[in-house]
C-alpha atoms as a PDB file:
ATOM      1  CA  MET A   1      17.519 -12.262  -9.937  1.00  0.00           C
ATOM      2  CA  VAL A   2      18.718  -8.842  -8.834  1.00  0.00           C
ATOM      3  CA  THR A   3      17.112  -5.972 -10.781  1.00  0.00           C
ATOM      4  CA  GLY A   4      17.973  -2.314 -10.591  1.00  0.00           C
ATOM      5  CA  ALA A   5      15.498   0.189  -9.207  1.00  0.00           C
ATOM      6  CA  ALA A   6      15.434   1.933 -12.612  1.00  0.00           C
ATOM      7  CA  GLN A   7      14.463  -1.236 -14.443  1.00  0.00           C
ATOM      8  CA  LEU A   8      11.731  -2.028 -11.906  1.00  0.00           C
ATOM      9  CA  VAL A   9      10.232   1.475 -12.177  1.00  0.00           C
ATOM     10  CA  GLU A  10      10.286   1.340 -15.945  1.00  0.00           C
ATOM     11  CA  ARG A  11       8.552  -2.075 -15.990  1.00  0.00           C
ATOM     12  CA  PHE A  12       6.098  -0.739 -13.370  1.00  0.00           C
ATOM     13  CA  TYR A  13       4.969   2.104 -15.658  1.00  0.00           C
ATOM     14  CA  HIS A  14       5.483   0.730 -19.168  1.00  0.00           C
ATOM     15  CA  GLN A  15       4.279  -2.842 -18.642  1.00  0.00           C
ATOM     16  CA  LEU A  16       2.227  -2.916 -15.502  1.00  0.00           C
ATOM     17  CA  TRP A  17       0.348   0.434 -15.520  1.00  0.00           C
ATOM     18  CA  ASN A  18       0.239   1.310 -19.195  1.00  0.00           C
ATOM     19  CA  ARG A  19      -0.800  -2.174 -20.269  1.00  0.00           C
ATOM     20  CA  ALA A  20      -2.709  -3.040 -17.056  1.00  0.00           C
ATOM     21  CA  ASP A  21      -0.651  -6.268 -16.948  1.00  0.00           C
ATOM     22  CA  GLU A  22      -1.660  -8.024 -13.776  1.00  0.00           C
ATOM     23  CA  ALA A  23       0.877 -10.804 -14.271  1.00  0.00           C
ATOM     24  CA  VAL A  24       3.653  -8.219 -14.218  1.00  0.00           C
ATOM     25  CA  ALA A  25       2.202  -6.771 -11.014  1.00  0.00           C
ATOM     26  CA  ARG A  26       2.376 -10.123  -9.351  1.00  0.00           C
ATOM     27  CA  GLU A  27       5.942 -10.610 -10.616  1.00  0.00           C
ATOM     28  CA  ILE A  28       7.492  -7.257  -9.660  1.00  0.00           C
ATOM     29  CA  LEU A  29       5.542  -6.248  -6.561  1.00  0.00           C
ATOM     30  CA  HIS A  30       6.607  -7.701  -3.286  1.00  0.00           C
ATOM     31  CA  PRO A  31       3.939  -9.852  -1.497  1.00  0.00           C
ATOM     32  CA  GLU A  32       3.983  -7.195   1.327  1.00  0.00           C
ATOM     33  CA  PHE A  33       3.983  -4.248  -1.115  1.00  0.00           C
ATOM     34  CA  ARG A  34       2.609  -1.007   0.365  1.00  0.00           C
ATOM     35  CA  PHE A  35       1.058   1.511  -1.948  1.00  0.00           C
ATOM     36  CA  ARG A  36      -0.179   4.995  -1.136  1.00  0.00           C
ATOM     37  CA  ALA A  37      -1.544   7.243  -3.890  1.00  0.00           C
ATOM     38  CA  SER A  38      -3.177  10.649  -4.163  1.00  0.00           C
ATOM     39  CA  LEU A  39      -6.354   9.086  -5.487  1.00  0.00           C
ATOM     40  CA  GLY A  40      -7.264   6.805  -2.594  1.00  0.00           C
ATOM     41  CA  PRO A  41      -6.435   4.829   0.552  1.00  0.00           C
ATOM     42  CA  GLU A  42      -3.325   2.747   1.130  1.00  0.00           C
ATOM     43  CA  ARG A  43      -3.359  -0.598  -0.713  1.00  0.00           C
ATOM     44  CA  LEU A  44      -1.427  -3.699   0.405  1.00  0.00           C
ATOM     45  CA  GLY A  45       0.121  -6.464  -1.668  1.00  0.00           C
ATOM     46  CA  PRO A  46      -0.123  -7.014  -5.421  1.00  0.00           C
ATOM     47  CA  GLU A  47      -3.843  -7.737  -5.286  1.00  0.00           C
ATOM     48  CA  GLY A  48      -4.576  -4.498  -3.474  1.00  0.00           C
ATOM     49  CA  PHE A  49      -2.699  -2.629  -6.117  1.00  0.00           C
ATOM     50  CA  ILE A  50      -4.326  -4.515  -8.968  1.00  0.00           C
ATOM     51  CA  ALA A  51      -7.840  -3.554  -7.617  1.00  0.00           C
ATOM     52  CA  TYR A  52      -6.753   0.073  -7.573  1.00  0.00           C
ATOM     53  CA  MET A  53      -5.321  -0.172 -11.065  1.00  0.00           C
ATOM     54  CA  ARG A  54      -8.541  -1.683 -12.424  1.00  0.00           C
ATOM     55  CA  SER A  55     -10.559   1.160 -11.019  1.00  0.00           C
ATOM     56  CA  VAL A  56      -8.337   3.841 -12.545  1.00  0.00           C
ATOM     57  CA  HIS A  57      -8.369   2.095 -15.948  1.00  0.00           C
ATOM     58  CA  ALA A  58     -12.160   1.732 -15.764  1.00  0.00           C
ATOM     59  CA  ALA A  59     -12.578   5.442 -15.281  1.00  0.00           C
ATOM     60  CA  LEU A  60      -9.846   6.553 -17.729  1.00  0.00           C
ATOM     61  CA  ALA A  61      -9.568   4.959 -21.164  1.00  0.00           C
ATOM     62  CA  ASP A  62      -6.182   4.824 -22.783  1.00  0.00           C
ATOM     63  CA  TYR A  63      -4.646   5.609 -19.318  1.00  0.00           C
ATOM     64  CA  ARG A  64      -0.897   5.909 -19.432  1.00  0.00           C
ATOM     65  CA  CYS A  65       1.931   7.114 -17.240  1.00  0.00           C
ATOM     66  CA  GLU A  66       4.904   8.854 -18.871  1.00  0.00           C
ATOM     67  CA  ILE A  67       8.193   8.984 -16.998  1.00  0.00           C
ATOM     68  CA  GLU A  68       9.674  12.438 -17.541  1.00  0.00           C
ATOM     69  CA  GLU A  69      12.568  12.047 -15.154  1.00  0.00           C
ATOM     70  CA  LEU A  70      13.953   9.176 -13.092  1.00  0.00           C
ATOM     71  CA  LEU A  71      16.539   9.323 -10.368  1.00  0.00           C
ATOM     72  CA  THR A  72      17.842   6.281  -8.422  1.00  0.00           C
ATOM     73  CA  ILE A  73      20.005   5.731  -5.426  1.00  0.00           C
ATOM     74  CA  GLU A  74      20.835   2.070  -4.709  1.00  0.00           C
ATOM     75  CA  HIS A  75      17.413   0.363  -4.153  1.00  0.00           C
ATOM     76  CA  GLU A  76      15.292   3.505  -4.222  1.00  0.00           C
ATOM     77  CA  ALA A  77      13.956   5.656  -7.037  1.00  0.00           C
ATOM     78  CA  VAL A  78      12.106   8.918  -7.520  1.00  0.00           C
ATOM     79  CA  ALA A  79      10.124   9.520 -10.790  1.00  0.00           C
ATOM     80  CA  LYS A  80       8.604  12.683 -12.157  1.00  0.00           C
ATOM     81  CA  VAL A  81       5.570  11.377 -14.083  1.00  0.00           C
ATOM     82  CA  ARG A  82       2.787  12.701 -16.327  1.00  0.00           C
ATOM     83  CA  PHE A  83      -0.543  10.855 -16.182  1.00  0.00           C
ATOM     84  CA  VAL A  84      -3.017  10.965 -19.100  1.00  0.00           C
ATOM     85  CA  GLY A  85      -6.335   9.353 -19.799  1.00  0.00           C
ATOM     86  CA  ARG A  86      -9.758   9.886 -21.468  1.00  0.00           C
ATOM     87  CA  HIS A  87     -12.593  10.278 -18.955  1.00  0.00           C
ATOM     88  CA  GLN A  88     -14.964   7.358 -19.795  1.00  0.00           C
ATOM     89  CA  ALA A  89     -16.745   6.563 -16.521  1.00  0.00           C
ATOM     90  CA  PRO A  90     -17.517   8.256 -13.224  1.00  0.00           C
ATOM     91  CA  PHE A  91     -14.428   9.798 -11.710  1.00  0.00           C
ATOM     92  CA  PHE A  92     -14.337  12.097  -8.708  1.00  0.00           C
ATOM     93  CA  GLY A  93     -18.129  11.976  -8.780  1.00  0.00           C
ATOM     94  CA  VAL A  94     -18.309  13.342 -12.370  1.00  0.00           C
ATOM     95  CA  GLU A  95     -20.018  11.314 -15.068  1.00  0.00           C
ATOM     96  CA  ALA A  96     -17.979  10.587 -18.209  1.00  0.00           C
ATOM     97  CA  THR A  97     -17.086  13.603 -20.263  1.00  0.00           C
ATOM     98  CA  GLY A  98     -15.058  11.900 -23.014  1.00  0.00           C
ATOM     99  CA  ARG A  99     -12.378  14.517 -22.509  1.00  0.00           C
ATOM    100  CA  GLU A 100      -8.686  13.732 -22.181  1.00  0.00           C
ATOM    101  CA  ILE A 101      -7.297  14.785 -18.846  1.00  0.00           C
ATOM    102  CA  GLU A 102      -3.693  14.982 -17.664  1.00  0.00           C
ATOM    103  CA  TRP A 103      -1.834  15.814 -14.489  1.00  0.00           C
ATOM    104  CA  ALA A 104       1.684  15.650 -13.069  1.00  0.00           C
ATOM    105  CA  GLY A 105       2.995  13.653 -10.133  1.00  0.00           C
ATOM    106  CA  ALA A 106       6.001  12.370  -8.296  1.00  0.00           C
ATOM    107  CA  ALA A 107       6.512   8.787  -7.207  1.00  0.00           C
ATOM    108  CA  PHE A 108       8.855   7.512  -4.505  1.00  0.00           C
ATOM    109  CA  PHE A 109       9.818   3.841  -4.833  1.00  0.00           C
ATOM    110  CA  LYS A 110      11.630   1.423  -2.505  1.00  0.00           C
ATOM    111  CA  THR A 111      12.838  -1.990  -3.699  1.00  0.00           C
ATOM    112  CA  ASP A 112      14.617  -4.960  -2.248  1.00  0.00           C
ATOM    113  CA  GLY A 113      16.651  -5.343  -5.411  1.00  0.00           C
ATOM    114  CA  GLU A 114      14.267  -7.776  -6.902  1.00  0.00           C
ATOM    115  CA  ARG A 115      10.789  -6.378  -6.328  1.00  0.00           C
ATOM    116  CA  ILE A 116       9.108  -3.094  -5.478  1.00  0.00           C
ATOM    117  CA  THR A 117       8.409  -3.063  -1.769  1.00  0.00           C
ATOM    118  CA  GLU A 118       6.804   0.391  -1.344  1.00  0.00           C
ATOM    119  CA  LEU A 119       5.447   3.200  -3.470  1.00  0.00           C
ATOM    120  CA  TRP A 120       4.079   6.579  -2.442  1.00  0.00           C
ATOM    121  CA  VAL A 121       2.688   8.759  -5.247  1.00  0.00           C
ATOM    122  CA  LEU A 122       1.778  12.478  -4.992  1.00  0.00           C
ATOM    123  CA  GLY A 123      -0.299  13.660  -7.862  1.00  0.00           C
ATOM    124  CA  ASP A 124      -1.795  17.058  -8.715  1.00  0.00           C
ATOM    125  CA  ILE A 125      -5.347  16.092  -7.867  1.00  0.00           C
ATOM    126  CA  ASP A 126      -6.530  19.681  -7.995  1.00  0.00           C
ATOM    127  CA  ALA A 127      -5.636  19.708 -11.710  1.00  0.00           C
ATOM    128  CA  VAL A 128      -7.737  16.594 -12.225  1.00  0.00           C
ATOM    129  CA  LYS A 129     -10.708  18.107 -10.430  1.00  0.00           C
ATOM    130  CA  ARG A 130     -10.488  21.358 -12.359  1.00  0.00           C
ATOM    131  CA  GLN A 131     -10.487  19.543 -15.661  1.00  0.00           C
ATOM    132  CA  LEU A 132     -13.505  17.433 -14.656  1.00  0.00           C
ATOM    133  CA  GLY A 133     -15.364  20.284 -12.899  1.00  0.00           C
ATOM    134  CA  ALA A 134     -15.503  18.253  -9.710  1.00  0.00           C
ATOM    135  CA  ALA A 135     -16.139  19.656  -6.272  1.00  0.00           C
ATOM    136  CA  ALA A 136     -12.990  20.347  -4.240  1.00  0.00           C
ATOM    137  CA  GLU A 137     -13.998  17.894  -1.487  1.00  0.00           C
ATOM    138  CA  GLN A 138     -14.888  15.106  -3.888  1.00  0.00           C
ATOM    139  CA  GLY A 139     -12.775  11.949  -3.508  1.00  0.00           C
ATOM    140  CA  PHE A 140     -11.929   9.406  -6.128  1.00  0.00           C
ATOM    141  CA  GLU A 141     -13.322   6.377  -4.411  1.00  0.00           C
ATOM    142  CA  SER A 142     -15.190   5.600  -1.192  1.00  0.00           C
ATOM    143  CA  GLU A 143     -13.134   4.037   1.575  1.00  0.00           C
END
């Protein structure tokens, strides 16, 4: 089944990320999926991404990604995204504050027409750290 890049990106955010739906991850992420995000090291395959997603959802309750703009060219897409969550567990070395935090980002997707093959996300991590009061050098997770 051939799927457009826009539909894959919308499913990625609305069903996979916002609902933490691991079945959707296994369905729409290519077995050799490569993921690089601002919050941590590169992850490979659907299972690598799922582990990352679980850690973000554990730290941020009600975590959601809101697509503000989506541009596609053939099998590639770029999304301007707003990320929001309530700080419920250690994040960037800061114990839970209960505060809602938000930041902006851009995501660059490649697909093969059926699944997402690659994703590179650049997020405003400085905004996250400012809202949490985290040290500038503090990372999200240990490598």
